[in-house]
C-alpha cells in the first residue's frame, strides 16, 4: 500500500509534474522539431493549424500535459499499490506500481500524441510527422525517466 495520504500523494505528483515539465524544456528546445508536439496539441485545442498556435499557448499546453500526466501516474500508482505486491519500496513508493505507473503513463503520452493528436491536428506539421513522432518518443522517455527518479527523492521531503 502507498505510505502517503492521497492528498500528500497528489501534491507530490503535481510538484513532480511541474518540475519535470520544466526540465523537459531542455530536450524539447534542443531537438529540431522538439517543441512542435506542444503546438500540435495547442492546434487540437484551438482547432487551428499548428503554425497559427501562439508560443504562450504551446508552453501552457506542454506544462499542463506534464501536470496531468504526473497526476495520471499518481492515480495508477495509488490504484496498483492496492492490488500488487508492495514489499519493495523507494522511500515509501511501492516499486512495482511505481515502475508500471511510469512506464504506462509515458507510453500512453507517446501513443496518444503519435496516434491521435498528430494525425488529427498536425496540419502543416504532418509533412514532418515521422521526425516529430521520433523526437516525441525521446521526450516521452525522458519524461518517464525523470519522473521515475524524481518522485522517490521528492517524497523524502514530506
N, C-alpha and C. Protein backbone atom coordinates (compact mmCIF):
# COMPACT_ATOMS: atom_id res chain seq x y z
N UNK A 1 0.84 -1.18 0.00
CA UNK A 1 0.00 0.00 0.00
C UNK A 1 0.89 1.25 0.00
N UNK A 2 0.39 2.29 -0.58
CA UNK A 2 1.09 3.56 -0.63
C UNK A 2 1.18 4.13 0.79
N UNK A 3 2.34 4.61 1.18
CA UNK A 3 2.56 5.09 2.54
C UNK A 3 2.18 6.55 2.76
N UNK A 4 1.41 7.13 1.88
CA UNK A 4 1.08 8.54 1.97
C UNK A 4 -0.42 8.75 1.85
N UNK A 5 -0.91 9.80 2.48
CA UNK A 5 -2.30 10.18 2.29
C UNK A 5 -2.48 10.57 0.83
N UNK A 6 -3.68 10.37 0.30
CA UNK A 6 -3.91 10.71 -1.11
C UNK A 6 -3.66 12.19 -1.38
N UNK A 7 -3.98 13.06 -0.42
CA UNK A 7 -3.72 14.49 -0.63
C UNK A 7 -2.23 14.77 -0.71
N UNK A 8 -1.43 14.11 0.12
CA UNK A 8 0.02 14.27 0.06
C UNK A 8 0.56 13.71 -1.26
N UNK A 9 0.05 12.56 -1.64
CA UNK A 9 0.49 11.92 -2.86
C UNK A 9 0.15 12.79 -4.08
N UNK A 10 -1.04 13.36 -4.10
CA UNK A 10 -1.43 14.25 -5.20
C UNK A 10 -0.52 15.47 -5.26
N UNK A 11 -0.18 16.03 -4.10
CA UNK A 11 0.72 17.18 -4.06
C UNK A 11 2.10 16.80 -4.61
N UNK A 12 2.60 15.65 -4.22
CA UNK A 12 3.89 15.17 -4.73
C UNK A 12 3.84 15.06 -6.25
N UNK A 13 2.75 14.50 -6.77
CA UNK A 13 2.62 14.31 -8.22
C UNK A 13 2.53 15.65 -8.95
N UNK A 14 1.81 16.61 -8.38
CA UNK A 14 1.72 17.93 -9.01
C UNK A 14 3.08 18.61 -9.03
N UNK A 15 3.79 18.58 -7.92
CA UNK A 15 5.12 19.19 -7.86
C UNK A 15 6.06 18.49 -8.85
N UNK A 16 6.02 17.16 -8.86
CA UNK A 16 6.87 16.41 -9.78
C UNK A 16 6.53 16.75 -11.23
N UNK A 17 5.24 16.84 -11.54
CA UNK A 17 4.84 17.19 -12.90
C UNK A 17 5.34 18.56 -13.30
N UNK A 18 5.27 19.51 -12.38
CA UNK A 18 5.75 20.87 -12.67
C UNK A 18 7.26 20.89 -12.89
N UNK A 19 8.00 20.22 -12.03
CA UNK A 19 9.46 20.21 -12.16
C UNK A 19 9.90 19.46 -13.42
N UNK A 20 9.31 18.30 -13.65
CA UNK A 20 9.70 17.53 -14.83
C UNK A 20 9.27 18.26 -16.11
N UNK A 21 8.12 18.93 -16.08
CA UNK A 21 7.70 19.73 -17.23
C UNK A 21 8.71 20.82 -17.56
N UNK A 22 9.23 21.47 -16.53
CA UNK A 22 10.26 22.48 -16.74
C UNK A 22 11.54 21.85 -17.29
N UNK A 23 11.91 20.71 -16.73
CA UNK A 23 13.11 20.00 -17.18
C UNK A 23 12.99 19.59 -18.64
N UNK A 24 11.79 19.22 -19.06
CA UNK A 24 11.59 18.78 -20.45
C UNK A 24 11.76 19.90 -21.46
N UNK A 25 11.76 21.14 -21.01
CA UNK A 25 12.03 22.24 -21.94
C UNK A 25 13.40 22.07 -22.59
N UNK A 26 14.34 21.49 -21.87
CA UNK A 26 15.69 21.34 -22.40
C UNK A 26 15.72 20.42 -23.62
N UNK A 27 15.26 19.15 -23.51
CA UNK A 27 15.32 18.31 -24.71
C UNK A 27 14.37 18.78 -25.81
N UNK A 28 13.24 19.36 -25.43
CA UNK A 28 12.30 19.79 -26.46
C UNK A 28 12.87 20.97 -27.25
N UNK A 29 13.57 21.87 -26.59
CA UNK A 29 14.10 23.03 -27.30
C UNK A 29 15.39 22.71 -28.05
N UNK A 30 16.10 21.66 -27.66
CA UNK A 30 17.35 21.34 -28.34
C UNK A 30 17.14 20.44 -29.56
N UNK A 31 15.99 19.78 -29.66
CA UNK A 31 15.68 18.97 -30.83
C UNK A 31 15.12 19.87 -31.93
N UNK A 32 15.39 19.53 -33.17
CA UNK A 32 14.94 20.35 -34.30
C UNK A 32 13.44 20.61 -34.26
N UNK A 33 12.66 19.58 -34.08
CA UNK A 33 11.21 19.70 -34.07
C UNK A 33 10.66 19.39 -32.68
N UNK A 34 11.49 19.51 -31.66
CA UNK A 34 11.14 19.06 -30.32
C UNK A 34 9.94 19.72 -29.68
N UNK A 35 9.74 21.01 -29.90
CA UNK A 35 8.62 21.70 -29.26
C UNK A 35 7.35 21.64 -30.11
N UNK A 36 7.46 21.11 -31.31
CA UNK A 36 6.31 21.04 -32.21
C UNK A 36 5.12 20.26 -31.64
N UNK A 37 5.33 19.18 -30.87
CA UNK A 37 4.16 18.50 -30.30
C UNK A 37 3.28 19.42 -29.45
N UNK A 38 3.86 20.36 -28.76
CA UNK A 38 3.06 21.30 -27.97
C UNK A 38 2.22 22.19 -28.87
N UNK A 39 2.75 22.56 -30.02
CA UNK A 39 1.99 23.35 -30.98
C UNK A 39 0.86 22.52 -31.60
N UNK A 40 1.15 21.25 -31.85
CA UNK A 40 0.12 20.36 -32.40
C UNK A 40 -1.00 20.17 -31.37
N UNK A 41 -0.64 19.99 -30.12
CA UNK A 41 -1.66 19.86 -29.07
C UNK A 41 -2.46 21.14 -28.93
N UNK A 42 -1.78 22.27 -29.02
CA UNK A 42 -2.48 23.56 -29.00
C UNK A 42 -3.42 23.71 -30.18
N UNK A 43 -3.01 23.18 -31.33
CA UNK A 43 -3.87 23.20 -32.52
C UNK A 43 -5.13 22.38 -32.28
N UNK A 44 -4.98 21.28 -31.56
CA UNK A 44 -6.14 20.47 -31.24
C UNK A 44 -7.13 21.19 -30.34
N UNK A 45 -6.60 21.99 -29.43
CA UNK A 45 -7.47 22.75 -28.52
C UNK A 45 -8.15 23.93 -29.21
N UNK A 46 -7.44 24.56 -30.14
CA UNK A 46 -7.97 25.76 -30.78
C UNK A 46 -8.57 25.49 -32.16
N UNK A 47 -8.44 24.25 -32.63
CA UNK A 47 -8.95 23.87 -33.96
C UNK A 47 -8.34 24.72 -35.07
N UNK A 48 -7.04 24.99 -34.95
CA UNK A 48 -6.32 25.73 -35.98
C UNK A 48 -5.12 24.92 -36.41
N UNK A 49 -4.36 25.44 -37.33
CA UNK A 49 -3.13 24.81 -37.77
C UNK A 49 -2.04 25.07 -36.72
N UNK A 50 -1.14 24.10 -36.50
CA UNK A 50 -0.06 24.32 -35.53
C UNK A 50 0.75 25.59 -35.78
N UNK A 51 0.89 26.00 -37.03
CA UNK A 51 1.65 27.21 -37.35
C UNK A 51 0.97 28.47 -36.82
N UNK A 52 -0.32 28.38 -36.54
CA UNK A 52 -1.07 29.54 -36.04
C UNK A 52 -1.19 29.57 -34.51
N UNK A 53 -0.69 28.55 -33.85
CA UNK A 53 -0.76 28.48 -32.39
C UNK A 53 0.31 29.40 -31.79
N UNK A 54 -0.08 30.17 -30.79
CA UNK A 54 0.87 31.09 -30.16
C UNK A 54 1.85 30.33 -29.25
N UNK A 55 3.01 30.91 -29.09
CA UNK A 55 4.01 30.29 -28.21
C UNK A 55 3.50 30.17 -26.77
N UNK A 56 2.84 31.20 -26.20
CA UNK A 56 2.33 31.03 -24.83
C UNK A 56 1.35 29.87 -24.69
N UNK A 57 0.50 29.66 -25.70
CA UNK A 57 -0.43 28.53 -25.64
C UNK A 57 0.32 27.22 -25.72
N UNK A 58 1.31 27.11 -26.60
CA UNK A 58 2.09 25.88 -26.71
C UNK A 58 2.81 25.57 -25.41
N UNK A 59 3.37 26.58 -24.77
CA UNK A 59 4.06 26.38 -23.49
C UNK A 59 3.06 25.95 -22.42
N UNK A 60 1.90 26.58 -22.38
CA UNK A 60 0.87 26.21 -21.40
C UNK A 60 0.40 24.78 -21.61
N UNK A 61 0.21 24.39 -22.86
CA UNK A 61 -0.21 23.02 -23.16
C UNK A 61 0.87 22.03 -22.73
N UNK A 62 2.12 22.35 -23.02
CA UNK A 62 3.24 21.48 -22.64
C UNK A 62 3.27 21.26 -21.13
N UNK A 63 3.22 22.34 -20.37
CA UNK A 63 3.30 22.21 -18.91
C UNK A 63 2.03 21.62 -18.33
N UNK A 64 0.89 21.94 -18.92
CA UNK A 64 -0.36 21.33 -18.47
C UNK A 64 -0.36 19.83 -18.69
N UNK A 65 0.19 19.40 -19.82
CA UNK A 65 0.28 17.96 -20.11
C UNK A 65 1.18 17.27 -19.10
N UNK A 66 2.28 17.89 -18.73
CA UNK A 66 3.18 17.30 -17.73
C UNK A 66 2.46 17.14 -16.39
N UNK A 67 1.68 18.14 -16.00
CA UNK A 67 0.93 18.05 -14.73
C UNK A 67 -0.11 16.95 -14.79
N UNK A 68 -0.87 16.90 -15.86
CA UNK A 68 -1.91 15.88 -16.00
C UNK A 68 -1.30 14.49 -16.04
N UNK A 69 -0.20 14.33 -16.78
CA UNK A 69 0.46 13.03 -16.87
C UNK A 69 1.00 12.59 -15.51
N UNK A 70 1.54 13.52 -14.74
CA UNK A 70 2.04 13.18 -13.41
C UNK A 70 0.88 12.80 -12.48
N UNK A 71 -0.24 13.46 -12.59
CA UNK A 71 -1.41 13.08 -11.78
C UNK A 71 -1.96 11.72 -12.22
N UNK A 72 -1.94 11.46 -13.51
CA UNK A 72 -2.35 10.15 -14.01
C UNK A 72 -1.42 9.07 -13.47
N UNK A 73 -0.13 9.34 -13.50
CA UNK A 73 0.84 8.42 -12.90
C UNK A 73 0.48 8.17 -11.43
N UNK A 74 0.20 9.23 -10.69
CA UNK A 74 -0.15 9.10 -9.28
C UNK A 74 -1.38 8.24 -9.06
N UNK A 75 -2.38 8.40 -9.91
CA UNK A 75 -3.60 7.59 -9.80
C UNK A 75 -3.30 6.12 -10.10
N UNK A 76 -2.47 5.87 -11.11
CA UNK A 76 -2.10 4.49 -11.45
C UNK A 76 -1.35 3.85 -10.30
N UNK A 77 -0.39 4.56 -9.73
CA UNK A 77 0.39 4.01 -8.62
C UNK A 77 -0.51 3.76 -7.41
N UNK A 78 -1.37 4.71 -7.09
CA UNK A 78 -2.26 4.53 -5.94
C UNK A 78 -3.17 3.31 -6.15
N UNK A 79 -3.70 3.17 -7.35
CA UNK A 79 -4.57 2.02 -7.64
C UNK A 79 -3.82 0.70 -7.63
N UNK A 80 -2.68 0.67 -8.29
CA UNK A 80 -1.91 -0.58 -8.35
C UNK A 80 -1.34 -0.97 -6.99
N UNK A 81 -1.07 0.00 -6.15
CA UNK A 81 -0.49 -0.34 -4.84
C UNK A 81 -1.48 -1.06 -3.94
N UNK A 82 -2.75 -1.02 -4.31
CA UNK A 82 -3.77 -1.75 -3.56
C UNK A 82 -3.78 -3.23 -3.95
N UNK A 83 -3.45 -3.52 -5.21
CA UNK A 83 -3.59 -4.89 -5.71
C UNK A 83 -2.27 -5.61 -6.00
N UNK A 84 -1.18 -4.88 -6.10
CA UNK A 84 0.11 -5.50 -6.40
C UNK A 84 1.00 -5.55 -5.16
N UNK A 85 1.99 -6.43 -5.19
CA UNK A 85 2.92 -6.51 -4.05
C UNK A 85 3.65 -5.18 -3.83
N UNK A 86 3.76 -4.80 -2.58
CA UNK A 86 4.42 -3.53 -2.25
C UNK A 86 5.57 -3.73 -1.27
N UNK A 87 6.09 -4.94 -1.20
CA UNK A 87 7.16 -5.24 -0.24
C UNK A 87 8.40 -4.38 -0.48
N UNK A 88 8.72 -4.14 -1.74
CA UNK A 88 9.87 -3.30 -2.06
C UNK A 88 9.37 -1.90 -2.36
N UNK A 89 10.03 -0.92 -1.72
CA UNK A 89 9.61 0.45 -1.97
C UNK A 89 10.82 1.37 -2.05
N UNK A 90 10.58 2.52 -2.66
CA UNK A 90 11.58 3.57 -2.75
C UNK A 90 11.07 4.73 -1.91
N UNK A 91 11.55 4.84 -0.70
CA UNK A 91 11.11 5.89 0.22
C UNK A 91 9.59 5.91 0.40
N UNK A 92 8.99 4.74 0.51
CA UNK A 92 7.56 4.64 0.71
C UNK A 92 6.73 4.57 -0.56
N UNK A 93 7.38 4.64 -1.71
CA UNK A 93 6.68 4.50 -3.00
C UNK A 93 6.89 3.05 -3.45
N UNK A 94 5.81 2.27 -3.52
CA UNK A 94 5.97 0.85 -3.89
C UNK A 94 6.60 0.69 -5.27
N UNK A 95 7.65 -0.13 -5.32
CA UNK A 95 8.48 -0.23 -6.52
C UNK A 95 7.73 -0.72 -7.75
N UNK A 96 7.01 -1.83 -7.66
CA UNK A 96 6.34 -2.39 -8.84
C UNK A 96 5.27 -1.42 -9.37
N UNK A 97 4.37 -0.90 -8.52
CA UNK A 97 3.41 0.09 -9.03
C UNK A 97 4.09 1.34 -9.60
N UNK A 98 5.19 1.75 -8.99
CA UNK A 98 5.94 2.92 -9.46
C UNK A 98 6.46 2.69 -10.87
N UNK A 99 7.12 1.57 -11.08
CA UNK A 99 7.69 1.28 -12.40
C UNK A 99 6.61 1.08 -13.45
N UNK A 100 5.53 0.39 -13.08
CA UNK A 100 4.42 0.20 -14.02
C UNK A 100 3.73 1.52 -14.32
N UNK A 101 3.58 2.37 -13.30
CA UNK A 101 2.95 3.67 -13.50
C UNK A 101 3.75 4.56 -14.42
N UNK A 102 5.04 4.63 -14.20
CA UNK A 102 5.92 5.45 -15.05
C UNK A 102 5.91 4.92 -16.48
N UNK A 103 6.08 3.62 -16.63
CA UNK A 103 6.11 3.02 -17.96
C UNK A 103 4.77 3.21 -18.68
N UNK A 104 3.69 2.94 -17.98
CA UNK A 104 2.37 3.05 -18.59
C UNK A 104 2.01 4.46 -19.00
N UNK A 105 2.27 5.41 -18.13
CA UNK A 105 1.92 6.80 -18.44
C UNK A 105 2.80 7.35 -19.55
N UNK A 106 4.08 7.05 -19.54
CA UNK A 106 4.97 7.51 -20.60
C UNK A 106 4.56 6.93 -21.95
N UNK A 107 4.23 5.66 -21.95
CA UNK A 107 3.77 5.01 -23.19
C UNK A 107 2.45 5.61 -23.65
N UNK A 108 1.54 5.85 -22.72
CA UNK A 108 0.25 6.45 -23.06
C UNK A 108 0.44 7.84 -23.67
N UNK A 109 1.27 8.67 -23.06
CA UNK A 109 1.51 10.02 -23.56
C UNK A 109 2.10 9.96 -24.98
N UNK A 110 3.03 9.05 -25.19
CA UNK A 110 3.61 8.90 -26.52
C UNK A 110 2.56 8.48 -27.54
N UNK A 111 1.85 7.39 -27.25
CA UNK A 111 0.88 6.88 -28.22
C UNK A 111 -0.29 7.83 -28.43
N UNK A 112 -0.71 8.53 -27.40
CA UNK A 112 -1.80 9.49 -27.57
C UNK A 112 -1.40 10.55 -28.58
N UNK A 113 -0.17 11.05 -28.46
CA UNK A 113 0.29 12.04 -29.43
C UNK A 113 0.47 11.42 -30.81
N UNK A 114 1.16 10.29 -30.87
CA UNK A 114 1.50 9.68 -32.16
C UNK A 114 0.28 9.16 -32.92
N UNK A 115 -0.71 8.66 -32.22
CA UNK A 115 -1.85 8.03 -32.88
C UNK A 115 -3.10 8.90 -32.96
N UNK A 116 -3.21 9.89 -32.08
CA UNK A 116 -4.43 10.72 -32.07
C UNK A 116 -4.11 12.17 -32.41
N UNK A 117 -3.26 12.82 -31.60
CA UNK A 117 -3.03 14.25 -31.77
C UNK A 117 -2.38 14.58 -33.11
N UNK A 118 -1.28 13.94 -33.43
CA UNK A 118 -0.55 14.27 -34.66
C UNK A 118 -1.39 13.98 -35.92
N UNK A 119 -1.98 12.79 -36.04
CA UNK A 119 -2.78 12.55 -37.25
C UNK A 119 -3.99 13.48 -37.38
N UNK A 120 -4.62 13.84 -36.29
CA UNK A 120 -5.82 14.68 -36.36
C UNK A 120 -5.53 16.16 -36.48
N UNK A 121 -4.52 16.64 -35.73
CA UNK A 121 -4.31 18.08 -35.60
C UNK A 121 -2.96 18.54 -36.13
N UNK A 122 -2.22 17.66 -36.79
CA UNK A 122 -0.88 18.00 -37.27
C UNK A 122 -0.83 19.08 -38.33
N UNK A 123 -1.89 19.20 -39.11
CA UNK A 123 -1.95 20.25 -40.13
C UNK A 123 -0.69 20.33 -40.95
N UNK A 124 -0.12 21.52 -41.00
CA UNK A 124 1.08 21.74 -41.82
C UNK A 124 2.29 20.97 -41.30
N UNK A 125 2.24 20.50 -40.07
CA UNK A 125 3.36 19.75 -39.49
C UNK A 125 3.35 18.28 -39.92
N UNK A 126 2.28 17.84 -40.58
CA UNK A 126 2.21 16.43 -41.00
C UNK A 126 3.33 16.04 -41.94
N UNK A 127 3.88 16.98 -42.67
CA UNK A 127 4.98 16.67 -43.59
C UNK A 127 6.20 16.15 -42.84
N UNK A 128 6.37 16.58 -41.61
CA UNK A 128 7.50 16.15 -40.78
C UNK A 128 7.06 15.18 -39.69
N UNK A 129 5.93 14.53 -39.86
CA UNK A 129 5.34 13.71 -38.80
C UNK A 129 6.28 12.63 -38.28
N UNK A 130 6.97 11.93 -39.16
CA UNK A 130 7.84 10.84 -38.71
C UNK A 130 8.94 11.37 -37.79
N UNK A 131 9.56 12.49 -38.17
CA UNK A 131 10.62 13.06 -37.33
C UNK A 131 10.06 13.61 -36.02
N UNK A 132 8.92 14.26 -36.08
CA UNK A 132 8.30 14.81 -34.87
C UNK A 132 7.95 13.69 -33.90
N UNK A 133 7.37 12.62 -34.42
CA UNK A 133 6.98 11.49 -33.56
C UNK A 133 8.21 10.81 -32.98
N UNK A 134 9.26 10.69 -33.75
CA UNK A 134 10.51 10.10 -33.24
C UNK A 134 11.08 10.96 -32.11
N UNK A 135 11.09 12.27 -32.30
CA UNK A 135 11.60 13.15 -31.25
C UNK A 135 10.67 13.15 -30.04
N UNK A 136 9.36 13.00 -30.27
CA UNK A 136 8.42 12.92 -29.16
C UNK A 136 8.65 11.65 -28.36
N UNK A 137 9.04 10.56 -29.02
CA UNK A 137 9.34 9.32 -28.31
C UNK A 137 10.49 9.54 -27.33
N UNK A 138 11.51 10.26 -27.76
CA UNK A 138 12.62 10.58 -26.87
C UNK A 138 12.16 11.44 -25.70
N UNK A 139 11.33 12.42 -25.98
CA UNK A 139 10.83 13.30 -24.93
C UNK A 139 9.97 12.52 -23.93
N UNK A 140 9.12 11.63 -24.41
CA UNK A 140 8.30 10.82 -23.51
C UNK A 140 9.17 9.91 -22.65
N UNK A 141 10.23 9.37 -23.24
CA UNK A 141 11.16 8.55 -22.47
C UNK A 141 11.85 9.37 -21.38
N UNK A 142 12.28 10.56 -21.73
CA UNK A 142 12.93 11.44 -20.75
C UNK A 142 11.94 11.81 -19.65
N UNK A 143 10.69 12.08 -20.02
CA UNK A 143 9.66 12.37 -19.02
C UNK A 143 9.54 11.22 -18.02
N UNK A 144 9.40 10.01 -18.53
CA UNK A 144 9.25 8.85 -17.66
C UNK A 144 10.46 8.62 -16.78
N UNK A 145 11.63 8.76 -17.35
CA UNK A 145 12.86 8.57 -16.57
C UNK A 145 13.00 9.62 -15.48
N UNK A 146 12.75 10.87 -15.83
CA UNK A 146 12.85 11.95 -14.84
C UNK A 146 11.82 11.77 -13.74
N UNK A 147 10.61 11.39 -14.10
CA UNK A 147 9.57 11.16 -13.10
C UNK A 147 9.95 9.99 -12.20
N UNK A 148 10.46 8.92 -12.80
CA UNK A 148 10.86 7.74 -12.03
C UNK A 148 11.95 8.06 -11.03
N UNK A 149 12.86 8.93 -11.40
CA UNK A 149 13.96 9.29 -10.50
C UNK A 149 13.56 10.36 -9.48
N UNK A 150 12.71 11.29 -9.89
CA UNK A 150 12.39 12.44 -9.04
C UNK A 150 11.36 12.13 -7.95
N UNK A 151 10.38 11.32 -8.24
CA UNK A 151 9.33 11.02 -7.26
C UNK A 151 9.91 10.45 -5.96
N UNK A 152 10.76 9.40 -6.00
CA UNK A 152 11.30 8.88 -4.75
C UNK A 152 12.15 9.88 -3.96
N UNK A 153 12.77 10.81 -4.68
CA UNK A 153 13.54 11.86 -4.00
C UNK A 153 12.59 12.89 -3.38
N UNK A 154 11.57 13.26 -4.12
CA UNK A 154 10.63 14.28 -3.66
C UNK A 154 9.88 13.85 -2.41
N UNK A 155 9.51 12.57 -2.32
CA UNK A 155 8.74 12.11 -1.15
C UNK A 155 9.57 12.18 0.14
N UNK A 156 10.87 12.23 0.04
CA UNK A 156 11.69 12.34 1.26
C UNK A 156 11.51 13.70 1.94
N UNK A 157 10.98 14.67 1.20
CA UNK A 157 10.79 16.00 1.76
C UNK A 157 9.44 16.15 2.44
N UNK A 158 8.62 15.09 2.44
CA UNK A 158 7.32 15.15 3.13
C UNK A 158 7.49 15.11 4.63
